[in-house]
Structure formats: C-alpha cells, structure tokens
PDB file of N, CA and C in Angstrom:
ATOM      1  N   UNK A   1       0.842  -1.175   0.000  1.00  0.00           N
ATOM      2  CA  UNK A   1       0.000   0.000   0.000  1.00  0.00           C
ATOM      3  C   UNK A   1       0.887   1.238   0.000  1.00  0.00           C
ATOM      4  N   UNK A   2       0.442   2.227  -0.718  1.00  0.00           N
ATOM      5  CA  UNK A   2       1.138   3.502  -0.749  1.00  0.00           C
ATOM      6  C   UNK A   2       0.155   4.601  -0.392  1.00  0.00           C
ATOM      7  N   UNK A   3       0.565   5.476   0.499  1.00  0.00           N
ATOM      8  CA  UNK A   3      -0.232   6.640   0.869  1.00  0.00           C
ATOM      9  C   UNK A   3       0.591   7.861   0.515  1.00  0.00           C
ATOM     10  N   UNK A   4       0.004   8.773  -0.216  1.00  0.00           N
ATOM     11  CA  UNK A   4       0.731   9.975  -0.609  1.00  0.00           C
ATOM     12  C   UNK A   4       0.260  11.160   0.210  1.00  0.00           C
ATOM     13  N   UNK A   5       1.219  11.857   0.805  1.00  0.00           N
ATOM     14  CA  UNK A   5       0.962  13.053   1.586  1.00  0.00           C
ATOM     15  C   UNK A   5       1.905  14.150   1.118  1.00  0.00           C
ATOM     16  N   UNK A   6       1.479  15.385   1.251  1.00  0.00           N
ATOM     17  CA  UNK A   6       2.418  16.472   1.014  1.00  0.00           C
ATOM     18  C   UNK A   6       3.389  16.515   2.193  1.00  0.00           C
ATOM     19  N   UNK A   7       4.475  17.231   2.032  1.00  0.00           N
ATOM     20  CA  UNK A   7       5.425  17.386   3.133  1.00  0.00           C
ATOM     21  C   UNK A   7       4.745  18.018   4.346  1.00  0.00           C
ATOM     22  N   UNK A   8       3.900  19.020   4.087  1.00  0.00           N
ATOM     23  CA  UNK A   8       3.194  19.678   5.191  1.00  0.00           C
ATOM     24  C   UNK A   8       2.254  18.717   5.895  1.00  0.00           C
ATOM     25  N   UNK A   9       1.502  17.931   5.148  1.00  0.00           N
ATOM     26  CA  UNK A   9       0.581  16.962   5.748  1.00  0.00           C
ATOM     27  C   UNK A   9       1.329  15.938   6.588  1.00  0.00           C
ATOM     28  N   UNK A  10       2.427  15.439   6.068  1.00  0.00           N
ATOM     29  CA  UNK A  10       3.213  14.438   6.792  1.00  0.00           C
ATOM     30  C   UNK A  10       3.768  15.012   8.089  1.00  0.00           C
ATOM     31  N   UNK A  11       4.278  16.234   8.033  1.00  0.00           N
ATOM     32  CA  UNK A  11       4.860  16.851   9.228  1.00  0.00           C
ATOM     33  C   UNK A  11       3.795  17.122  10.283  1.00  0.00           C
ATOM     34  N   UNK A  12       2.658  17.665   9.878  1.00  0.00           N
ATOM     35  CA  UNK A  12       1.586  17.963  10.829  1.00  0.00           C
ATOM     36  C   UNK A  12       1.016  16.671  11.423  1.00  0.00           C
ATOM     37  N   UNK A  13       0.837  15.664  10.609  1.00  0.00           N
ATOM     38  CA  UNK A  13       0.324  14.391  11.104  1.00  0.00           C
ATOM     39  C   UNK A  13       1.316  13.737  12.065  1.00  0.00           C
ATOM     40  N   UNK A  14       2.594  13.769  11.732  1.00  0.00           N
ATOM     41  CA  UNK A  14       3.603  13.213  12.635  1.00  0.00           C
ATOM     42  C   UNK A  14       3.571  13.923  13.981  1.00  0.00           C
ATOM     43  N   UNK A  15       3.512  15.247  13.960  1.00  0.00           N
ATOM     44  CA  UNK A  15       3.486  16.012  15.211  1.00  0.00           C
ATOM     45  C   UNK A  15       2.252  15.664  16.033  1.00  0.00           C
ATOM     46  N   UNK A  16       1.104  15.530  15.383  1.00  0.00           N
ATOM     47  CA  UNK A  16      -0.112  15.149  16.085  1.00  0.00           C
ATOM     48  C   UNK A  16       0.052  13.795  16.774  1.00  0.00           C
ATOM     49  N   UNK A  17       0.546  12.817  16.053  1.00  0.00           N
ATOM     50  CA  UNK A  17       0.710  11.473  16.615  1.00  0.00           C
ATOM     51  C   UNK A  17       1.762  11.451  17.724  1.00  0.00           C
ATOM     52  N   UNK A  18       2.870  12.134  17.508  1.00  0.00           N
ATOM     53  CA  UNK A  18       3.933  12.174  18.516  1.00  0.00           C
ATOM     54  C   UNK A  18       3.448  12.890  19.771  1.00  0.00           C
ATOM     55  N   UNK A  19       2.690  13.963  19.595  1.00  0.00           N
ATOM     56  CA  UNK A  19       2.173  14.726  20.732  1.00  0.00           C
ATOM     57  C   UNK A  19       1.225  13.876  21.569  1.00  0.00           C
ATOM     58  N   UNK A  20       0.328  13.144  20.937  1.00  0.00           N
ATOM     59  CA  UNK A  20      -0.589  12.284  21.680  1.00  0.00           C
ATOM     60  C   UNK A  20       0.153  11.171  22.406  1.00  0.00           C
ATOM     61  N   UNK A  21       1.240  10.700  21.836  1.00  0.00           N
ATOM     62  CA  UNK A  21       1.999   9.624  22.467  1.00  0.00           C
ATOM     63  C   UNK A  21       2.769  10.107  23.684  1.00  0.00           C
ATOM     64  N   UNK A  22       3.153  11.389  23.702  1.00  0.00           N
ATOM     65  CA  UNK A  22       4.027  11.905  24.757  1.00  0.00           C
ATOM     66  C   UNK A  22       3.298  12.581  25.906  1.00  0.00           C
ATOM     67  N   UNK A  23       2.159  13.179  25.648  1.00  0.00           N
ATOM     68  CA  UNK A  23       1.506  14.033  26.632  1.00  0.00           C
ATOM     69  C   UNK A  23       0.307  13.319  27.241  1.00  0.00           C
ATOM     70  N   UNK A  24       0.230  13.340  28.547  1.00  0.00           N
ATOM     71  CA  UNK A  24      -0.919  12.778  29.246  1.00  0.00           C
ATOM     72  C   UNK A  24      -1.629  13.925  29.947  1.00  0.00           C
ATOM     73  N   UNK A  25      -2.382  14.705  29.167  1.00  0.00           N
ATOM     74  CA  UNK A  25      -3.040  15.880  29.729  1.00  0.00           C
ATOM     75  C   UNK A  25      -4.554  15.793  29.658  1.00  0.00           C
ATOM     76  N   UNK A  26      -5.080  14.590  29.535  1.00  0.00           N
ATOM     77  CA  UNK A  26      -6.514  14.415  29.559  1.00  0.00           C
ATOM     78  C   UNK A  26      -7.194  14.410  28.204  1.00  0.00           C
ATOM     79  N   UNK A  27      -6.439  14.714  27.147  1.00  0.00           N
ATOM     80  CA  UNK A  27      -7.061  14.674  25.819  1.00  0.00           C
ATOM     81  C   UNK A  27      -7.386  13.231  25.469  1.00  0.00           C
ATOM     82  N   UNK A  28      -8.462  13.055  24.753  1.00  0.00           N
ATOM     83  CA  UNK A  28      -8.880  11.711  24.390  1.00  0.00           C
ATOM     84  C   UNK A  28      -8.826  11.515  22.883  1.00  0.00           C
ATOM     85  N   UNK A  29      -8.248  10.434  22.481  1.00  0.00           N
ATOM     86  CA  UNK A  29      -8.294   9.981  21.104  1.00  0.00           C
ATOM     87  C   UNK A  29      -9.060   8.663  21.179  1.00  0.00           C
ATOM     88  N   UNK A  30     -10.259   8.612  20.609  1.00  0.00           N
ATOM     89  CA  UNK A  30     -11.127   7.451  20.835  1.00  0.00           C
ATOM     90  C   UNK A  30     -10.601   6.171  20.189  1.00  0.00           C
ATOM     91  N   UNK A  31      -9.647   5.539  20.842  1.00  0.00           N
ATOM     92  CA  UNK A  31      -9.093   4.273  20.390  1.00  0.00           C
ATOM     93  C   UNK A  31      -9.817   3.173  21.154  1.00  0.00           C
ATOM     94  N   UNK A  32     -10.408   2.275  20.405  1.00  0.00           N
ATOM     95  CA  UNK A  32     -11.240   1.243  21.028  1.00  0.00           C
ATOM     96  C   UNK A  32     -10.512  -0.079  21.226  1.00  0.00           C
ATOM     97  N   UNK A  33      -9.455  -0.300  20.432  1.00  0.00           N
ATOM     98  CA  UNK A  33      -8.752  -1.583  20.508  1.00  0.00           C
ATOM     99  C   UNK A  33      -7.258  -1.361  20.385  1.00  0.00           C
ATOM    100  N   UNK A  34      -6.497  -2.284  20.906  1.00  0.00           N
ATOM    101  CA  UNK A  34      -5.042  -2.207  20.813  1.00  0.00           C
ATOM    102  C   UNK A  34      -4.584  -2.173  19.359  1.00  0.00           C
ATOM    103  N   UNK A  35      -5.329  -2.820  18.484  1.00  0.00           N
ATOM    104  CA  UNK A  35      -4.962  -2.832  17.061  1.00  0.00           C
ATOM    105  C   UNK A  35      -4.944  -1.416  16.481  1.00  0.00           C
ATOM    106  N   UNK A  36      -5.891  -0.582  16.905  1.00  0.00           N
ATOM    107  CA  UNK A  36      -5.923   0.802  16.426  1.00  0.00           C
ATOM    108  C   UNK A  36      -4.716   1.570  16.935  1.00  0.00           C
ATOM    109  N   UNK A  37      -4.384   1.388  18.197  1.00  0.00           N
ATOM    110  CA  UNK A  37      -3.186   2.008  18.768  1.00  0.00           C
ATOM    111  C   UNK A  37      -1.949   1.556  18.021  1.00  0.00           C
ATOM    112  N   UNK A  38      -1.855   0.274  17.764  1.00  0.00           N
ATOM    113  CA  UNK A  38      -0.694  -0.268  17.071  1.00  0.00           C
ATOM    114  C   UNK A  38      -0.579   0.284  15.655  1.00  0.00           C
ATOM    115  N   UNK A  39      -1.709   0.445  14.988  1.00  0.00           N
ATOM    116  CA  UNK A  39      -1.696   1.007  13.639  1.00  0.00           C
ATOM    117  C   UNK A  39      -1.227   2.462  13.663  1.00  0.00           C
ATOM    118  N   UNK A  40      -1.676   3.228  14.651  1.00  0.00           N
ATOM    119  CA  UNK A  40      -1.218   4.616  14.770  1.00  0.00           C
ATOM    120  C   UNK A  40       0.277   4.678  15.071  1.00  0.00           C
ATOM    121  N   UNK A  41       0.763   3.792  15.923  1.00  0.00           N
ATOM    122  CA  UNK A  41       2.196   3.737  16.207  1.00  0.00           C
ATOM    123  C   UNK A  41       2.990   3.408  14.947  1.00  0.00           C
ATOM    124  N   UNK A  42       2.465   2.483  14.150  1.00  0.00           N
ATOM    125  CA  UNK A  42       3.149   2.113  12.904  1.00  0.00           C
ATOM    126  C   UNK A  42       3.188   3.295  11.941  1.00  0.00           C
ATOM    127  N   UNK A  43       2.100   4.047  11.868  1.00  0.00           N
ATOM    128  CA  UNK A  43       2.064   5.228  11.009  1.00  0.00           C
ATOM    129  C   UNK A  43       3.057   6.276  11.502  1.00  0.00           C
ATOM    130  N   UNK A  44       3.087   6.512  12.795  1.00  0.00           N
ATOM    131  CA  UNK A  44       4.048   7.466  13.357  1.00  0.00           C
ATOM    132  C   UNK A  44       5.481   7.041  13.048  1.00  0.00           C
ATOM    133  N   UNK A  45       5.780   5.763  13.212  1.00  0.00           N
ATOM    134  CA  UNK A  45       7.126   5.261  12.933  1.00  0.00           C
ATOM    135  C   UNK A  45       7.484   5.402  11.458  1.00  0.00           C
ATOM    136  N   UNK A  46       6.529   5.137  10.576  1.00  0.00           N
ATOM    137  CA  UNK A  46       6.776   5.276   9.138  1.00  0.00           C
ATOM    138  C   UNK A  46       7.057   6.733   8.778  1.00  0.00           C
ATOM    139  N   UNK A  47       6.307   7.642   9.358  1.00  0.00           N
ATOM    140  CA  UNK A  47       6.546   9.066   9.108  1.00  0.00           C
ATOM    141  C   UNK A  47       7.910   9.484   9.658  1.00  0.00           C
ATOM    142  N   UNK A  48       8.238   8.996  10.840  1.00  0.00           N
ATOM    143  CA  UNK A  48       9.526   9.352  11.448  1.00  0.00           C
ATOM    144  C   UNK A  48      10.704   8.886  10.587  1.00  0.00           C
ATOM    145  N   UNK A  49      10.560   7.735   9.947  1.00  0.00           N
ATOM    146  CA  UNK A  49      11.636   7.232   9.079  1.00  0.00           C
ATOM    147  C   UNK A  49      11.825   8.107   7.845  1.00  0.00           C
ATOM    148  N   UNK A  50      10.773   8.794   7.423  1.00  0.00           N
ATOM    149  CA  UNK A  50      10.827   9.589   6.195  1.00  0.00           C
ATOM    150  C   UNK A  50      11.163  11.058   6.439  1.00  0.00           C
ATOM    151  N   UNK A  51      10.810  11.571   7.592  1.00  0.00           N
ATOM    152  CA  UNK A  51      10.959  12.996   7.859  1.00  0.00           C
ATOM    153  C   UNK A  51      12.341  13.327   8.421  1.00  0.00           C
ATOM    154  N   UNK A  52      12.875  14.449   8.002  1.00  0.00           N
ATOM    155  CA  UNK A  52      14.121  14.950   8.585  1.00  0.00           C
ATOM    156  C   UNK A  52      13.863  16.107   9.546  1.00  0.00           C
ATOM    157  N   UNK A  53      12.741  16.790   9.392  1.00  0.00           N
ATOM    158  CA  UNK A  53      12.432  17.970  10.198  1.00  0.00           C
ATOM    159  C   UNK A  53      12.466  17.715  11.709  1.00  0.00           C
ATOM    160  N   UNK A  54      11.962  16.570  12.215  1.00  0.00           N
ATOM    161  CA  UNK A  54      11.974  16.379  13.669  1.00  0.00           C
ATOM    162  C   UNK A  54      13.370  16.403  14.292  1.00  0.00           C
ATOM    163  N   UNK A  55      14.386  16.271  13.486  1.00  0.00           N
ATOM    164  CA  UNK A  55      15.752  16.230  13.995  1.00  0.00           C
ATOM    165  C   UNK A  55      16.489  17.547  13.768  1.00  0.00           C
ATOM    166  N   UNK A  56      15.784  18.554  13.310  1.00  0.00           N
ATOM    167  CA  UNK A  56      16.397  19.850  13.036  1.00  0.00           C
ATOM    168  C   UNK A  56      16.072  20.835  14.153  1.00  0.00           C
ATOM    169  N   UNK A  57      16.966  21.785  14.346  1.00  0.00           N
ATOM    170  CA  UNK A  57      16.834  22.752  15.435  1.00  0.00           C
ATOM    171  C   UNK A  57      15.563  23.597  15.318  1.00  0.00           C
ATOM    172  N   UNK A  58      15.118  23.875  14.120  1.00  0.00           N
ATOM    173  CA  UNK A  58      13.941  24.735  13.921  1.00  0.00           C
ATOM    174  C   UNK A  58      12.671  23.916  13.678  1.00  0.00           C
ATOM    175  N   UNK A  59      12.595  22.742  14.264  1.00  0.00           N
ATOM    176  CA  UNK A  59      11.459  21.842  14.061  1.00  0.00           C
ATOM    177  C   UNK A  59      10.124  22.512  14.379  1.00  0.00           C
ATOM    178  N   UNK A  60      10.018  23.142  15.541  1.00  0.00           N
ATOM    179  CA  UNK A  60       8.755  23.778  15.942  1.00  0.00           C
ATOM    180  C   UNK A  60       8.325  24.835  14.930  1.00  0.00           C
ATOM    181  N   UNK A  61       9.266  25.603  14.444  1.00  0.00           N
ATOM    182  CA  UNK A  61       8.969  26.617  13.432  1.00  0.00           C
ATOM    183  C   UNK A  61       8.468  25.955  12.147  1.00  0.00           C
ATOM    184  N   UNK A  62       9.089  24.858  11.754  1.00  0.00           N
ATOM    185  CA  UNK A  62       8.657  24.143  10.558  1.00  0.00           C
ATOM    186  C   UNK A  62       7.228  23.622  10.704  1.00  0.00           C
ATOM    187  N   UNK A  63       6.911  23.092  11.880  1.00  0.00           N
ATOM    188  CA  UNK A  63       5.560  22.594  12.133  1.00  0.00           C
ATOM    189  C   UNK A  63       4.555  23.740  12.072  1.00  0.00           C
ATOM    190  N   UNK A  64       4.880  24.856  12.706  1.00  0.00           N
ATOM    191  CA  UNK A  64       3.978  26.013  12.685  1.00  0.00           C
ATOM    192  C   UNK A  64       3.713  26.485  11.258  1.00  0.00           C
ATOM    193  N   UNK A  65       4.759  26.570  10.445  1.00  0.00           N
ATOM    194  CA  UNK A  65       4.604  27.003   9.056  1.00  0.00           C
ATOM    195  C   UNK A  65       3.780  25.989   8.254  1.00  0.00           C
ATOM    196  N   UNK A  66       4.018  24.698   8.496  1.00  0.00           N
ATOM    197  CA  UNK A  66       3.265  23.658   7.791  1.00  0.00           C
ATOM    198  C   UNK A  66       1.780  23.741   8.152  1.00  0.00           C
ATOM    199  N   UNK A  67       1.482  23.957   9.426  1.00  0.00           N
ATOM    200  CA  UNK A  67       0.079  24.092   9.855  1.00  0.00           C
ATOM    201  C   UNK A  67      -0.581  25.291   9.173  1.00  0.00           C
ATOM    202  N   UNK A  68       0.134  26.403   9.150  1.00  0.00           N
ATOM    203  CA  UNK A  68      -0.411  27.611   8.524  1.00  0.00           C
ATOM    204  C   UNK A  68      -0.693  27.380   7.050  1.00  0.00           C
ATOM    205  N   UNK A  69       0.251  26.764   6.343  1.00  0.00           N
ATOM    206  CA  UNK A  69       0.048  26.514   4.907  1.00  0.00           C
ATOM    207  C   UNK A  69      -1.142  25.589   4.669  1.00  0.00           C
ATOM    208  N   UNK A  70      -1.278  24.553   5.490  1.00  0.00           N
ATOM    209  CA  UNK A  70      -2.415  23.639   5.329  1.00  0.00           C
ATOM    210  C   UNK A  70      -3.739  24.348   5.588  1.00  0.00           C
ATOM    211  N   UNK A  71      -3.778  25.183   6.602  1.00  0.00           N
ATOM    212  CA  UNK A  71      -5.008  25.921   6.894  1.00  0.00           C
ATOM    213  C   UNK A  71      -5.331  26.914   5.784  1.00  0.00           C
ATOM    214  N   UNK A  72      -4.317  27.540   5.239  1.00  0.00           N
ATOM    215  CA  UNK A  72      -4.550  28.479   4.140  1.00  0.00           C
ATOM    216  C   UNK A  72      -5.062  27.755   2.907  1.00  0.00           C
ATOM    217  N   UNK A  73      -4.544  26.563   2.670  1.00  0.00           N
ATOM    218  CA  UNK A  73      -4.927  25.791   1.486  1.00  0.00           C
ATOM    219  C   UNK A  73      -6.289  25.118   1.635  1.00  0.00           C
ATOM    220  N   UNK A  74      -6.564  24.566   2.818  1.00  0.00           N
ATOM    221  CA  UNK A  74      -7.768  23.742   2.983  1.00  0.00           C
ATOM    222  C   UNK A  74      -8.768  24.320   3.979  1.00  0.00           C
ATOM    223  N   UNK A  75      -8.461  25.434   4.583  1.00  0.00           N
ATOM    224  CA  UNK A  75      -9.391  26.064   5.522  1.00  0.00           C
ATOM    225  C   UNK A  75      -9.063  25.723   6.959  1.00  0.00           C
ATOM    226  N   UNK A  76      -9.507  26.550   7.830  1.00  0.00           N
ATOM    227  CA  UNK A  76      -9.272  26.356   9.264  1.00  0.00           C
ATOM    228  C   UNK A  76     -10.569  26.569  10.006  1.00  0.00           C
ATOM    229  N   UNK A  77     -10.474  26.689  11.314  1.00  0.00           N
ATOM    230  CA  UNK A  77     -11.646  27.010  12.113  1.00  0.00           C
ATOM    231  C   UNK A  77     -11.200  27.852  13.293  1.00  0.00           C
ATOM    232  N   UNK A  78     -12.170  28.544  13.852  1.00  0.00           N
ATOM    233  CA  UNK A  78     -11.924  29.370  15.021  1.00  0.00           C
ATOM    234  C   UNK A  78     -12.140  28.526  16.277  1.00  0.00           C
ATOM    235  N   UNK A  79     -11.215  28.605  17.192  1.00  0.00           N
ATOM    236  CA  UNK A  79     -11.373  27.879  18.458  1.00  0.00           C
ATOM    237  C   UNK A  79     -12.026  28.747  19.490  1.00  0.00           C
TER     238      UNK A  79
END
C-alpha cells in the first residue's frame, strides 16, 4: 500500500501522533482496541523514518509554518 501526503501533511500528522503519544493531559483519542493504537504507532514510525524535520533545530517553526500553509490551502476554524 502507498499513501501519498504532502510534506506539510506528513509533518503535521507526525506532530499530532507524537504529541498524543508523549503528553498525558486528559485529551482523548477514541481508540477502542489495541490494534488501532498499534496502527497509529506504525504510522508514526513510518513518518519518522521519512521525515528529517523532527531532527532539526527549527522543528517547531517548521511545524507552525506547515500548519499555517495547510489551513490556508484547505481552511481552518476558530477555536
């Protein structure tokens, strides 16, 4: 199987998955079975193998810019 993502999509998705894995602040991701968790871990690992940005000093800036570009391209919402 091949899944195609833009660089911005891959970076934002990786950050989302990594953030949920690291932070225990009460946020819920409705995972019903271990298989779903395992699939998300596999996706995070696959993205990590492909991305170089997480290992660069300006990673947070890159993520912020990627989020902005995605919102500009596909729309955002007000929180």
